[in-house]
């Protein structure tokens, strides 16, 4: 009997390793046309194998609802209806922004046409080229149309798996604004540009004249971009839904070399659904040196120890594990402006523990311990703890200060001089009064 239970536990643990799950929930709403759902079988089946619960809905359908009783009904939403110009009333740019602010993650595919999703993209500092100008490239030479482009993944990407094969792309590229929350995932090839692929030899001239925006070209354009919201929600914009299609998943880059579209779709979904690069602050503490009790207020010039516990989500086991890999985290001790900004390093031998000791400034007031760690691709870490810094009590000062001996000597000499002067003056007056009395007696 014991061996049977052992086998069951081993099987459950093995199934946990095979079914990676999100740190934010496993329910997914897929908005896609019923006729095109079969075009993404490989991508959807991969999500189901990882443990996600997929619910499909047409763009104009009103059920299942996205928000029920003011609570999001799904943890993640996939919008593969890039060609649709009309959606149900609960899928609007405003509602999608509210969902993202509430923590719902979005995976959105763009279209060459002007759709509501195109206007939503501009709210995230994505600059789209004029309608009808897909990304094209004539290099390398191939039998495919110029709008079907193989793109090599960057070797230094945090989101995409290392060594991933080039991926096939067909769709619209976009330029990136100055928003620091944008996370580039896959850039366009340097020799590509956005233009009408059927323009022939005059395509370059047409591209420079359309919209007055100049030539949309080169690796400054992006075909897949992430956005990490301050509240923790993630959204990924992909320039073409075909990147997730079975056609591109099975299409070879060259003879015998499979494309990386399957791995690309899995990696993008993993980041968007908060499987990868997810951190959290488990706890923070502060106390005096040689003490372990947190205080509500500290005295100026106290030596304070601040400690933070940080963990990272492991999708293979669906657990949070201590993480000590952050090397550039900082702590601010601030009152309106930071009075102290210092590194918050990891503690050797203590996984997930970061600690620093510093001296409180010689200024009293209400201060905050602030962690505000933002790095592209990673979850934003923010923590704020308020404490008071007060002057020493009346009995908290040292009685004598070596630096004040000149003032002590001055005060003592003044007091001694005053005493001697008073004694001499009183003694002189006493003698004069005695002489006066002796003269009258005679």
Foldseek 3Di string as FASTA:
>chain_A
DVVVVVVVVVVVQQLLLFAFDFLQDQEEEEADDPVCPQQQVLLVVVSVRNPHDYDYDYFADCPPDQADPNHGPGQEYEYQHQVDQDGHPCDALVNVVVCLLVRRFYEYEHALDDHRVVVSVVVQQWAWAHRQWAKFACPPPDPDQRQWDWFAWDQPAPQADHPFATFIDHFTWTAGGPDPQKFAGGFDAARMWTFNSPPPPCGQVRQQPPPVPGTGGGRNIGQKMKGQDLSGAIYMYGGHSCLSTPVRQQDAPDVPHGHRSSRVSVSVCCLRSRNPQEKEWPDKAKDFPVDRDGDQEAEAFTKMKIKIFMWGQHRSNRDTGFAQPDAAWWKFWDDPHGPDIDGFHADPPDGRMTMDIDTHHNDWDKIWTWTFDDDRSHGTYIDIDIHTYHHADPVRDDPDDPVCVVVVVVVVVVVVVVVVVVVVVVVVVVVVVVVVVVVVVD
